[in-house]
């Protein structure tokens, strides 16, 4: 019973944060947010929004400026041309592309790294 209660509470908090983000996106679609990369996986980056304590995901295919290779040993992405690295703990700027309240998901775009 406690586990179900905890899951329900987290779901409600997540929905409230998504509603807030949707409101921000509709009113200030140009706004960029400070975030910190918390995990690097082969298919993308997981980050935490600094002001909201909200976890987001950016798929590697959405990194448009350059082609990145995943380094399993270093757990980072390395740019093919510039050799720039995206690693855990790195500060980035992100922008909301799309918020879906029905499926409780948010699509992000990396703006600056």
PDB file of N, CA and C in Angstrom:
ATOM      1  N   UNK A   1       0.822  -1.189   0.000  1.00  0.00           N
ATOM      2  CA  UNK A   1       0.000   0.000   0.000  1.00  0.00           C
ATOM      3  C   UNK A   1       0.870   1.257   0.000  1.00  0.00           C
ATOM      4  N   UNK A   2       1.937   1.212   0.757  1.00  0.00           N
ATOM      5  CA  UNK A   2       2.837   2.379   0.797  1.00  0.00           C
ATOM      6  C   UNK A   2       3.487   2.624  -0.558  1.00  0.00           C
ATOM      7  N   UNK A   3       3.875   1.554  -1.247  1.00  0.00           N
ATOM      8  CA  UNK A   3       4.500   1.715  -2.562  1.00  0.00           C
ATOM      9  C   UNK A   3       3.532   2.343  -3.558  1.00  0.00           C
ATOM     10  N   UNK A   4       2.287   1.888  -3.530  1.00  0.00           N
ATOM     11  CA  UNK A   4       1.281   2.465  -4.437  1.00  0.00           C
ATOM     12  C   UNK A   4       1.044   3.932  -4.101  1.00  0.00           C
ATOM     13  N   UNK A   5       1.009   4.245  -2.836  1.00  0.00           N
ATOM     14  CA  UNK A   5       0.822   5.621  -2.396  1.00  0.00           C
ATOM     15  C   UNK A   5       1.990   6.496  -2.846  1.00  0.00           C
ATOM     16  N   UNK A   6       3.208   5.986  -2.706  1.00  0.00           N
ATOM     17  CA  UNK A   6       4.404   6.721  -3.127  1.00  0.00           C
ATOM     18  C   UNK A   6       4.396   6.959  -4.635  1.00  0.00           C
ATOM     19  N   UNK A   7       4.020   5.925  -5.412  1.00  0.00           N
ATOM     20  CA  UNK A   7       3.946   6.066  -6.871  1.00  0.00           C
ATOM     21  C   UNK A   7       2.908   7.100  -7.274  1.00  0.00           C
ATOM     22  N   UNK A   8       1.766   7.082  -6.625  1.00  0.00           N
ATOM     23  CA  UNK A   8       0.700   8.040  -6.930  1.00  0.00           C
ATOM     24  C   UNK A   8       1.140   9.461  -6.604  1.00  0.00           C
ATOM     25  N   UNK A   9       1.812   9.632  -5.468  1.00  0.00           N
ATOM     26  CA  UNK A   9       2.299  10.953  -5.070  1.00  0.00           C
ATOM     27  C   UNK A   9       3.317  11.483  -6.081  1.00  0.00           C
ATOM     28  N   UNK A  10       4.246  10.640  -6.503  1.00  0.00           N
ATOM     29  CA  UNK A  10       5.243  11.046  -7.496  1.00  0.00           C
ATOM     30  C   UNK A  10       4.599  11.378  -8.837  1.00  0.00           C
ATOM     31  N   UNK A  11       3.584  10.626  -9.208  1.00  0.00           N
ATOM     32  CA  UNK A  11       2.886  10.880 -10.457  1.00  0.00           C
ATOM     33  C   UNK A  11       2.192  12.241 -10.436  1.00  0.00           C
ATOM     34  N   UNK A  12       1.575  12.577  -9.316  1.00  0.00           N
ATOM     35  CA  UNK A  12       0.907  13.872  -9.182  1.00  0.00           C
ATOM     36  C   UNK A  12       1.934  15.007  -9.219  1.00  0.00           C
ATOM     37  N   UNK A  13       3.048  14.851  -8.515  1.00  0.00           N
ATOM     38  CA  UNK A  13       4.097  15.880  -8.545  1.00  0.00           C
ATOM     39  C   UNK A  13       4.651  16.070  -9.947  1.00  0.00           C
ATOM     40  N   UNK A  14       4.873  14.970 -10.648  1.00  0.00           N
ATOM     41  CA  UNK A  14       5.381  15.036 -12.013  1.00  0.00           C
ATOM     42  C   UNK A  14       4.392  15.758 -12.925  1.00  0.00           C
ATOM     43  N   UNK A  15       3.119  15.452 -12.793  1.00  0.00           N
ATOM     44  CA  UNK A  15       2.092  16.102 -13.607  1.00  0.00           C
ATOM     45  C   UNK A  15       2.034  17.603 -13.329  1.00  0.00           C
ATOM     46  N   UNK A  16       2.138  17.983 -12.073  1.00  0.00           N
ATOM     47  CA  UNK A  16       2.126  19.411 -11.725  1.00  0.00           C
ATOM     48  C   UNK A  16       3.333  20.138 -12.329  1.00  0.00           C
ATOM     49  N   UNK A  17       4.500  19.499 -12.293  1.00  0.00           N
ATOM     50  CA  UNK A  17       5.699  20.096 -12.886  1.00  0.00           C
ATOM     51  C   UNK A  17       5.539  20.211 -14.395  1.00  0.00           C
ATOM     52  N   UNK A  18       4.952  19.198 -15.026  1.00  0.00           N
ATOM     53  CA  UNK A  18       4.721  19.245 -16.471  1.00  0.00           C
ATOM     54  C   UNK A  18       3.726  20.345 -16.839  1.00  0.00           C
ATOM     55  N   UNK A  19       2.686  20.516 -16.039  1.00  0.00           N
ATOM     56  CA  UNK A  19       1.732  21.609 -16.287  1.00  0.00           C
ATOM     57  C   UNK A  19       2.427  22.960 -16.196  1.00  0.00           C
ATOM     58  N   UNK A  20       3.290  23.113 -15.216  1.00  0.00           N
ATOM     59  CA  UNK A  20       4.046  24.358 -15.057  1.00  0.00           C
ATOM     60  C   UNK A  20       4.954  24.589 -16.270  1.00  0.00           C
ATOM     61  N   UNK A  21       5.638  23.535 -16.718  1.00  0.00           N
ATOM     62  CA  UNK A  21       6.516  23.660 -17.875  1.00  0.00           C
ATOM     63  C   UNK A  21       5.726  23.982 -19.141  1.00  0.00           C
ATOM     64  N   UNK A  22       4.551  23.386 -19.300  1.00  0.00           N
ATOM     65  CA  UNK A  22       3.706  23.683 -20.459  1.00  0.00           C
ATOM     66  C   UNK A  22       3.276  25.142 -20.446  1.00  0.00           C
ATOM     67  N   UNK A  23       2.931  25.639 -19.261  1.00  0.00           N
ATOM     68  CA  UNK A  23       2.544  27.047 -19.121  1.00  0.00           C
ATOM     69  C   UNK A  23       3.712  27.965 -19.491  1.00  0.00           C
ATOM     70  N   UNK A  24       4.909  27.612 -19.034  1.00  0.00           N
ATOM     71  CA  UNK A  24       6.103  28.389 -19.383  1.00  0.00           C
ATOM     72  C   UNK A  24       6.363  28.345 -20.884  1.00  0.00           C
ATOM     73  N   UNK A  25       6.198  27.178 -21.479  1.00  0.00           N
ATOM     74  CA  UNK A  25       6.444  27.039 -22.911  1.00  0.00           C
ATOM     75  C   UNK A  25       5.463  27.873 -23.724  1.00  0.00           C
ATOM     76  N   UNK A  26       4.210  27.894 -23.301  1.00  0.00           N
ATOM     77  CA  UNK A  26       3.201  28.658 -24.036  1.00  0.00           C
ATOM     78  C   UNK A  26       3.392  30.158 -23.887  1.00  0.00           C
ATOM     79  N   UNK A  27       3.831  30.603 -22.712  1.00  0.00           N
ATOM     80  CA  UNK A  27       3.986  32.037 -22.492  1.00  0.00           C
ATOM     81  C   UNK A  27       5.360  32.553 -22.920  1.00  0.00           C
ATOM     82  N   UNK A  28       6.400  31.746 -22.727  1.00  0.00           N
ATOM     83  CA  UNK A  28       7.765  32.175 -23.057  1.00  0.00           C
ATOM     84  C   UNK A  28       8.471  31.047 -23.800  1.00  0.00           C
ATOM     85  N   UNK A  29       8.072  30.813 -25.036  1.00  0.00           N
ATOM     86  CA  UNK A  29       8.620  29.688 -25.798  1.00  0.00           C
ATOM     87  C   UNK A  29      10.103  29.857 -26.113  1.00  0.00           C
ATOM     88  N   UNK A  30      10.606  31.064 -25.992  1.00  0.00           N
ATOM     89  CA  UNK A  30      12.010  31.343 -26.277  1.00  0.00           C
ATOM     90  C   UNK A  30      12.916  31.080 -25.077  1.00  0.00           C
ATOM     91  N   UNK A  31      12.341  30.873 -23.908  1.00  0.00           N
ATOM     92  CA  UNK A  31      13.128  30.782 -22.677  1.00  0.00           C
ATOM     93  C   UNK A  31      14.014  29.542 -22.640  1.00  0.00           C
ATOM     94  N   UNK A  32      15.243  29.746 -22.182  1.00  0.00           N
ATOM     95  CA  UNK A  32      16.207  28.660 -22.011  1.00  0.00           C
ATOM     96  C   UNK A  32      16.422  28.435 -20.523  1.00  0.00           C
ATOM     97  N   UNK A  33      16.674  27.173 -20.160  1.00  0.00           N
ATOM     98  CA  UNK A  33      16.822  26.816 -18.753  1.00  0.00           C
ATOM     99  C   UNK A  33      18.201  26.232 -18.499  1.00  0.00           C
ATOM    100  N   UNK A  34      18.749  26.555 -17.330  1.00  0.00           N
ATOM    101  CA  UNK A  34      20.016  25.973 -16.906  1.00  0.00           C
ATOM    102  C   UNK A  34      19.768  24.560 -16.413  1.00  0.00           C
ATOM    103  N   UNK A  35      20.638  23.646 -16.832  1.00  0.00           N
ATOM    104  CA  UNK A  35      20.500  22.247 -16.432  1.00  0.00           C
ATOM    105  C   UNK A  35      21.885  21.651 -16.236  1.00  0.00           C
ATOM    106  N   UNK A  36      21.914  20.501 -15.581  1.00  0.00           N
ATOM    107  CA  UNK A  36      23.158  19.783 -15.344  1.00  0.00           C
ATOM    108  C   UNK A  36      22.974  18.337 -15.796  1.00  0.00           C
ATOM    109  N   UNK A  37      23.919  17.845 -16.581  1.00  0.00           N
ATOM    110  CA  UNK A  37      23.858  16.462 -17.047  1.00  0.00           C
ATOM    111  C   UNK A  37      24.095  15.535 -15.857  1.00  0.00           C
ATOM    112  N   UNK A  38      23.174  14.584 -15.644  1.00  0.00           N
ATOM    113  CA  UNK A  38      23.296  13.665 -14.513  1.00  0.00           C
ATOM    114  C   UNK A  38      23.678  12.252 -14.955  1.00  0.00           C
ATOM    115  N   UNK A  39      23.305  11.877 -16.175  1.00  0.00           N
ATOM    116  CA  UNK A  39      23.650  10.549 -16.697  1.00  0.00           C
ATOM    117  C   UNK A  39      23.890  10.645 -18.188  1.00  0.00           C
ATOM    118  N   UNK A  40      24.825   9.836 -18.667  1.00  0.00           N
ATOM    119  CA  UNK A  40      25.088   9.745 -20.099  1.00  0.00           C
ATOM    120  C   UNK A  40      24.885   8.291 -20.500  1.00  0.00           C
ATOM    121  N   UNK A  41      23.979   8.080 -21.444  1.00  0.00           N
ATOM    122  CA  UNK A  41      23.712   6.734 -21.945  1.00  0.00           C
ATOM    123  C   UNK A  41      23.996   6.706 -23.436  1.00  0.00           C
ATOM    124  N   UNK A  42      24.060   5.541 -24.003  1.00  0.00           N
ATOM    125  CA  UNK A  42      24.386   5.402 -25.421  1.00  0.00           C
ATOM    126  C   UNK A  42      23.361   6.084 -26.328  1.00  0.00           C
ATOM    127  N   UNK A  43      22.115   6.203 -25.870  1.00  0.00           N
ATOM    128  CA  UNK A  43      21.081   6.805 -26.716  1.00  0.00           C
ATOM    129  C   UNK A  43      20.775   8.263 -26.386  1.00  0.00           C
ATOM    130  N   UNK A  44      21.388   8.823 -25.344  1.00  0.00           N
ATOM    131  CA  UNK A  44      21.141  10.225 -25.040  1.00  0.00           C
ATOM    132  C   UNK A  44      21.624  10.657 -23.672  1.00  0.00           C
ATOM    133  N   UNK A  45      21.199  11.870 -23.308  1.00  0.00           N
ATOM    134  CA  UNK A  45      21.613  12.501 -22.049  1.00  0.00           C
ATOM    135  C   UNK A  45      20.425  12.640 -21.112  1.00  0.00           C
ATOM    136  N   UNK A  46      20.647  12.410 -19.849  1.00  0.00           N
ATOM    137  CA  UNK A  46      19.648  12.681 -18.826  1.00  0.00           C
ATOM    138  C   UNK A  46      20.171  13.864 -18.019  1.00  0.00           C
ATOM    139  N   UNK A  47      19.307  14.854 -17.830  1.00  0.00           N
ATOM    140  CA  UNK A  47      19.722  16.075 -17.139  1.00  0.00           C
ATOM    141  C   UNK A  47      18.707  16.439 -16.074  1.00  0.00           C
ATOM    142  N   UNK A  48      19.111  17.331 -15.198  1.00  0.00           N
ATOM    143  CA  UNK A  48      18.260  17.827 -14.132  1.00  0.00           C
ATOM    144  C   UNK A  48      18.137  19.334 -14.283  1.00  0.00           C
ATOM    145  N   UNK A  49      16.894  19.827 -14.343  1.00  0.00           N
ATOM    146  CA  UNK A  49      16.685  21.274 -14.386  1.00  0.00           C
ATOM    147  C   UNK A  49      17.038  21.845 -13.024  1.00  0.00           C
ATOM    148  N   UNK A  50      17.872  22.850 -13.002  1.00  0.00           N
ATOM    149  CA  UNK A  50      18.371  23.388 -11.741  1.00  0.00           C
ATOM    150  C   UNK A  50      17.292  24.059 -10.894  1.00  0.00           C
ATOM    151  N   UNK A  51      16.331  24.729 -11.508  1.00  0.00           N
ATOM    152  CA  UNK A  51      15.356  25.500 -10.743  1.00  0.00           C
ATOM    153  C   UNK A  51      14.132  24.692 -10.320  1.00  0.00           C
ATOM    154  N   UNK A  52      13.909  23.510 -10.918  1.00  0.00           N
ATOM    155  CA  UNK A  52      12.662  22.793 -10.674  1.00  0.00           C
ATOM    156  C   UNK A  52      12.862  21.390 -10.134  1.00  0.00           C
ATOM    157  N   UNK A  53      14.078  20.916 -10.101  1.00  0.00           N
ATOM    158  CA  UNK A  53      14.362  19.546  -9.699  1.00  0.00           C
ATOM    159  C   UNK A  53      13.541  18.570 -10.537  1.00  0.00           C
ATOM    160  N   UNK A  54      13.626  18.750 -11.853  1.00  0.00           N
ATOM    161  CA  UNK A  54      12.891  17.930 -12.817  1.00  0.00           C
ATOM    162  C   UNK A  54      13.904  17.253 -13.731  1.00  0.00           C
ATOM    163  N   UNK A  55      13.736  15.953 -13.921  1.00  0.00           N
ATOM    164  CA  UNK A  55      14.668  15.200 -14.750  1.00  0.00           C
ATOM    165  C   UNK A  55      14.136  15.127 -16.177  1.00  0.00           C
ATOM    166  N   UNK A  56      15.014  15.393 -17.142  1.00  0.00           N
ATOM    167  CA  UNK A  56      14.643  15.351 -18.547  1.00  0.00           C
ATOM    168  C   UNK A  56      15.612  14.507 -19.340  1.00  0.00           C
ATOM    169  N   UNK A  57      15.240  14.212 -20.588  1.00  0.00           N
ATOM    170  CA  UNK A  57      16.045  13.372 -21.460  1.00  0.00           C
ATOM    171  C   UNK A  57      16.167  14.036 -22.824  1.00  0.00           C
ATOM    172  N   UNK A  58      17.370  14.019 -23.379  1.00  0.00           N
ATOM    173  CA  UNK A  58      17.609  14.511 -24.743  1.00  0.00           C
ATOM    174  C   UNK A  58      18.198  13.362 -25.544  1.00  0.00           C
ATOM    175  N   UNK A  59      17.495  12.974 -26.608  1.00  0.00           N
ATOM    176  CA  UNK A  59      17.985  11.893 -27.465  1.00  0.00           C
ATOM    177  C   UNK A  59      19.184  12.397 -28.258  1.00  0.00           C
ATOM    178  N   UNK A  60      20.133  11.526 -28.475  1.00  0.00           N
ATOM    179  CA  UNK A  60      21.377  11.904 -29.161  1.00  0.00           C
ATOM    180  C   UNK A  60      21.117  12.408 -30.588  1.00  0.00           C
ATOM    181  N   UNK A  61      20.051  11.943 -31.216  1.00  0.00           N
ATOM    182  CA  UNK A  61      19.733  12.378 -32.573  1.00  0.00           C
ATOM    183  C   UNK A  61      19.315  13.846 -32.629  1.00  0.00           C
ATOM    184  N   UNK A  62      18.900  14.412 -31.500  1.00  0.00           N
ATOM    185  CA  UNK A  62      18.479  15.814 -31.489  1.00  0.00           C
ATOM    186  C   UNK A  62      19.642  16.793 -31.335  1.00  0.00           C
ATOM    187  N   UNK A  63      20.859  16.277 -31.164  1.00  0.00           N
ATOM    188  CA  UNK A  63      22.036  17.147 -31.119  1.00  0.00           C
ATOM    189  C   UNK A  63      22.432  17.458 -32.561  1.00  0.00           C
ATOM    190  N   UNK A  64      21.992  18.619 -33.043  1.00  0.00           N
ATOM    191  CA  UNK A  64      22.073  18.933 -34.466  1.00  0.00           C
ATOM    192  C   UNK A  64      23.399  19.533 -34.925  1.00  0.00           C
ATOM    193  N   UNK A  65      24.112  20.206 -34.059  1.00  0.00           N
ATOM    194  CA  UNK A  65      25.295  20.949 -34.492  1.00  0.00           C
ATOM    195  C   UNK A  65      26.432  20.057 -34.964  1.00  0.00           C
ATOM    196  N   UNK A  66      26.491  18.847 -34.413  1.00  0.00           N
ATOM    197  CA  UNK A  66      27.624  17.981 -34.707  1.00  0.00           C
ATOM    198  C   UNK A  66      27.244  16.525 -34.460  1.00  0.00           C
ATOM    199  N   UNK A  67      27.990  15.614 -35.065  1.00  0.00           N
ATOM    200  CA  UNK A  67      27.778  14.197 -34.827  1.00  0.00           C
ATOM    201  C   UNK A  67      28.604  13.779 -33.617  1.00  0.00           C
ATOM    202  N   UNK A  68      27.973  13.089 -32.654  1.00  0.00           N
ATOM    203  CA  UNK A  68      28.648  12.679 -31.430  1.00  0.00           C
ATOM    204  C   UNK A  68      28.794  11.173 -31.364  1.00  0.00           C
ATOM    205  N   UNK A  69      29.930  10.727 -30.849  1.00  0.00           N
ATOM    206  CA  UNK A  69      30.192   9.310 -30.605  1.00  0.00           C
ATOM    207  C   UNK A  69      30.117   9.065 -29.103  1.00  0.00           C
ATOM    208  N   UNK A  70      29.549   7.932 -28.721  1.00  0.00           N
ATOM    209  CA  UNK A  70      29.451   7.568 -27.319  1.00  0.00           C
ATOM    210  C   UNK A  70      30.715   6.839 -26.895  1.00  0.00           C
ATOM    211  N   UNK A  71      31.334   7.310 -25.825  1.00  0.00           N
ATOM    212  CA  UNK A  71      32.502   6.656 -25.265  1.00  0.00           C
ATOM    213  C   UNK A  71      32.061   5.898 -24.020  1.00  0.00           C
ATOM    214  N   UNK A  72      32.018   4.579 -24.111  1.00  0.00           N
ATOM    215  CA  UNK A  72      31.551   3.749 -23.010  1.00  0.00           C
ATOM    216  C   UNK A  72      32.500   3.814 -21.820  1.00  0.00           C
ATOM    217  N   UNK A  73      33.773   3.843 -22.091  1.00  0.00           N
ATOM    218  CA  UNK A  73      34.772   3.847 -21.012  1.00  0.00           C
ATOM    219  C   UNK A  73      34.706   5.139 -20.185  1.00  0.00           C
ATOM    220  N   UNK A  74      34.568   6.275 -20.870  1.00  0.00           N
ATOM    221  CA  UNK A  74      34.527   7.560 -20.170  1.00  0.00           C
ATOM    222  C   UNK A  74      33.104   7.998 -19.832  1.00  0.00           C
ATOM    223  N   UNK A  75      32.094   7.271 -20.316  1.00  0.00           N
ATOM    224  CA  UNK A  75      30.681   7.610 -20.124  1.00  0.00           C
ATOM    225  C   UNK A  75      30.408   9.053 -20.534  1.00  0.00           C
ATOM    226  N   UNK A  76      30.749   9.357 -21.790  1.00  0.00           N
ATOM    227  CA  UNK A  76      30.511  10.692 -22.315  1.00  0.00           C
ATOM    228  C   UNK A  76      30.307  10.617 -23.823  1.00  0.00           C
ATOM    229  N   UNK A  77      29.852  11.725 -24.402  1.00  0.00           N
ATOM    230  CA  UNK A  77      29.764  11.860 -25.849  1.00  0.00           C
ATOM    231  C   UNK A  77      30.908  12.748 -26.304  1.00  0.00           C
ATOM    232  N   UNK A  78      31.532  12.382 -27.414  1.00  0.00           N
ATOM    233  CA  UNK A  78      32.641  13.156 -27.957  1.00  0.00           C
ATOM    234  C   UNK A  78      32.271  13.589 -29.369  1.00  0.00           C
ATOM    235  N   UNK A  79      32.389  14.888 -29.643  1.00  0.00           N
ATOM    236  CA  UNK A  79      32.078  15.421 -30.963  1.00  0.00           C
ATOM    237  C   UNK A  79      33.084  14.946 -31.995  1.00  0.00           C
ATOM    238  N   UNK A  80      32.574  14.583 -33.166  1.00  0.00           N
ATOM    239  CA  UNK A  80      33.434  14.039 -34.213  1.00  0.00           C
ATOM    240  C   UNK A  80      34.452  15.060 -34.715  1.00  0.00           C
ATOM    241  N   UNK A  81      34.026  16.284 -34.964  1.00  0.00           N
ATOM    242  CA  UNK A  81      34.926  17.309 -35.501  1.00  0.00           C
ATOM    243  C   UNK A  81      35.607  18.141 -34.416  1.00  0.00           C
ATOM    244  N   UNK A  82      34.818  18.637 -33.477  1.00  0.00           N
ATOM    245  CA  UNK A  82      35.366  19.561 -32.481  1.00  0.00           C
ATOM    246  C   UNK A  82      36.003  18.853 -31.282  1.00  0.00           C
ATOM    247  N   UNK A  83      35.719  17.564 -31.117  1.00  0.00           N
ATOM    248  CA  UNK A  83      36.199  16.777 -29.965  1.00  0.00           C
ATOM    249  C   UNK A  83      35.642  17.301 -28.643  1.00  0.00           C
ATOM    250  N   UNK A  84      34.590  18.120 -28.704  1.00  0.00           N
ATOM    251  CA  UNK A  84      33.945  18.620 -27.494  1.00  0.00           C
ATOM    252  C   UNK A  84      33.238  17.463 -26.794  1.00  0.00           C
ATOM    253  N   UNK A  85      33.303  17.443 -25.457  1.00  0.00           N
ATOM    254  CA  UNK A  85      32.726  16.348 -24.678  1.00  0.00           C
ATOM    255  C   UNK A  85      31.471  16.803 -23.944  1.00  0.00           C
ATOM    256  N   UNK A  86      30.506  15.898 -23.858  1.00  0.00           N
ATOM    257  CA  UNK A  86      29.324  16.061 -23.032  1.00  0.00           C
ATOM    258  C   UNK A  86      29.409  14.996 -21.953  1.00  0.00           C
ATOM    259  N   UNK A  87      29.539  15.396 -20.697  1.00  0.00           N
ATOM    260  CA  UNK A  87      29.836  14.461 -19.622  1.00  0.00           C
ATOM    261  C   UNK A  87      28.981  14.768 -18.389  1.00  0.00           C
ATOM    262  N   UNK A  88      28.952  13.841 -17.459  1.00  0.00           N
ATOM    263  CA  UNK A  88      28.187  13.989 -16.225  1.00  0.00           C
ATOM    264  C   UNK A  88      28.745  15.161 -15.415  1.00  0.00           C
ATOM    265  N   UNK A  89      27.832  16.011 -14.948  1.00  0.00           N
ATOM    266  CA  UNK A  89      28.220  17.185 -14.168  1.00  0.00           C
ATOM    267  C   UNK A  89      28.369  18.442 -14.994  1.00  0.00           C
ATOM    268  N   UNK A  90      28.285  18.310 -16.304  1.00  0.00           N
ATOM    269  CA  UNK A  90      28.456  19.459 -17.197  1.00  0.00           C
ATOM    270  C   UNK A  90      27.191  20.332 -17.194  1.00  0.00           C
ATOM    271  N   UNK A  91      27.387  21.647 -17.160  1.00  0.00           N
ATOM    272  CA  UNK A  91      26.274  22.594 -17.221  1.00  0.00           C
ATOM    273  C   UNK A  91      25.883  22.817 -18.679  1.00  0.00           C
ATOM    274  N   UNK A  92      24.595  22.743 -18.954  1.00  0.00           N
ATOM    275  CA  UNK A  92      24.072  22.964 -20.304  1.00  0.00           C
ATOM    276  C   UNK A  92      22.858  23.877 -20.223  1.00  0.00           C
ATOM    277  N   UNK A  93      22.409  24.361 -21.373  1.00  0.00           N
ATOM    278  CA  UNK A  93      21.159  25.125 -21.472  1.00  0.00           C
ATOM    279  C   UNK A  93      20.223  24.338 -22.371  1.00  0.00           C
ATOM    280  N   UNK A  94      18.975  24.208 -21.918  1.00  0.00           N
ATOM    281  CA  UNK A  94      17.978  23.452 -22.669  1.00  0.00           C
ATOM    282  C   UNK A  94      16.730  24.306 -22.901  1.00  0.00           C
ATOM    283  N   UNK A  95      15.936  23.867 -23.870  1.00  0.00           N
ATOM    284  CA  UNK A  95      14.710  24.563 -24.223  1.00  0.00           C
ATOM    285  C   UNK A  95      13.614  23.520 -24.406  1.00  0.00           C
ATOM    286  N   UNK A  96      12.397  23.855 -24.024  1.00  0.00           N
ATOM    287  CA  UNK A  96      11.267  22.942 -24.176  1.00  0.00           C
ATOM    288  C   UNK A  96      10.816  22.952 -25.634  1.00  0.00           C
ATOM    289  N   UNK A  97      10.674  21.767 -26.212  1.00  0.00           N
ATOM    290  CA  UNK A  97      10.125  21.657 -27.557  1.00  0.00           C
ATOM    291  C   UNK A  97       8.642  21.310 -27.516  1.00  0.00           C
ATOM    292  N   UNK A  98       8.280  20.390 -26.606  1.00  0.00           N
ATOM    293  CA  UNK A  98       6.920  19.871 -26.597  1.00  0.00           C
ATOM    294  C   UNK A  98       6.610  19.270 -25.229  1.00  0.00           C
ATOM    295  N   UNK A  99       5.411  19.527 -24.733  1.00  0.00           N
ATOM    296  CA  UNK A  99       4.961  18.935 -23.478  1.00  0.00           C
ATOM    297  C   UNK A  99       3.659  18.188 -23.751  1.00  0.00           C
ATOM    298  N   UNK A 100       3.610  16.909 -23.375  1.00  0.00           N
ATOM    299  CA  UNK A 100       2.422  16.085 -23.539  1.00  0.00           C
ATOM    300  C   UNK A 100       1.924  15.680 -22.153  1.00  0.00           C
ATOM    301  N   UNK A 101       0.823  16.277 -21.740  1.00  0.00           N
ATOM    302  CA  UNK A 101       0.296  16.000 -20.408  1.00  0.00           C
ATOM    303  C   UNK A 101      -0.377  14.632 -20.328  1.00  0.00           C
ATOM    304  N   UNK A 102      -0.948  14.177 -21.440  1.00  0.00           N
ATOM    305  CA  UNK A 102      -1.626  12.886 -21.449  1.00  0.00           C
ATOM    306  C   UNK A 102      -0.668  11.739 -21.166  1.00  0.00           C
ATOM    307  N   UNK A 103       0.477  11.752 -21.839  1.00  0.00           N
ATOM    308  CA  UNK A 103       1.478  10.697 -21.645  1.00  0.00           C
ATOM    309  C   UNK A 103       2.533  11.085 -20.608  1.00  0.00           C
ATOM    310  N   UNK A 104       2.403  12.255 -20.026  1.00  0.00           N
ATOM    311  CA  UNK A 104       3.313  12.788 -19.019  1.00  0.00           C
ATOM    312  C   UNK A 104       4.770  12.737 -19.485  1.00  0.00           C
ATOM    313  N   UNK A 105       5.014  13.371 -20.629  1.00  0.00           N
ATOM    314  CA  UNK A 105       6.379  13.445 -21.133  1.00  0.00           C
ATOM    315  C   UNK A 105       6.657  14.825 -21.697  1.00  0.00           C
ATOM    316  N   UNK A 106       7.933  15.122 -21.788  1.00  0.00           N
ATOM    317  CA  UNK A 106       8.381  16.424 -22.260  1.00  0.00           C
ATOM    318  C   UNK A 106       9.565  16.216 -23.198  1.00  0.00           C
ATOM    319  N   UNK A 107       9.540  16.861 -24.349  1.00  0.00           N
ATOM    320  CA  UNK A 107      10.638  16.761 -25.303  1.00  0.00           C
ATOM    321  C   UNK A 107      11.484  18.028 -25.198  1.00  0.00           C
ATOM    322  N   UNK A 108      12.799  17.843 -25.152  1.00  0.00           N
ATOM    323  CA  UNK A 108      13.734  18.941 -24.934  1.00  0.00           C
ATOM    324  C   UNK A 108      14.710  19.069 -26.093  1.00  0.00           C
ATOM    325  N   UNK A 109      15.276  20.255 -26.197  1.00  0.00           N
ATOM    326  CA  UNK A 109      16.325  20.515 -27.180  1.00  0.00           C
ATOM    327  C   UNK A 109      17.486  21.174 -26.450  1.00  0.00           C
ATOM    328  N   UNK A 110      18.689  20.718 -26.732  1.00  0.00           N
ATOM    329  CA  UNK A 110      19.868  21.323 -26.112  1.00  0.00           C
ATOM    330  C   UNK A 110      20.223  22.575 -26.922  1.00  0.00           C
ATOM    331  N   UNK A 111      20.429  23.684 -26.233  1.00  0.00           N
ATOM    332  CA  UNK A 111      20.697  24.960 -26.891  1.00  0.00           C
ATOM    333  C   UNK A 111      22.168  25.308 -26.828  1.00  0.00           C
ATOM    334  N   UNK A 112      22.750  25.092 -25.671  1.00  0.00           N
ATOM    335  CA  UNK A 112      24.146  25.490 -25.469  1.00  0.00           C
ATOM    336  C   UNK A 112      24.855  24.461 -24.610  1.00  0.00           C
ATOM    337  N   UNK A 113      26.065  24.100 -25.022  1.00  0.00           N
ATOM    338  CA  UNK A 113      26.878  23.162 -24.240  1.00  0.00           C
ATOM    339  C   UNK A 113      28.328  23.506 -24.346  1.00  0.00           C
TER     340      UNK A 113
END
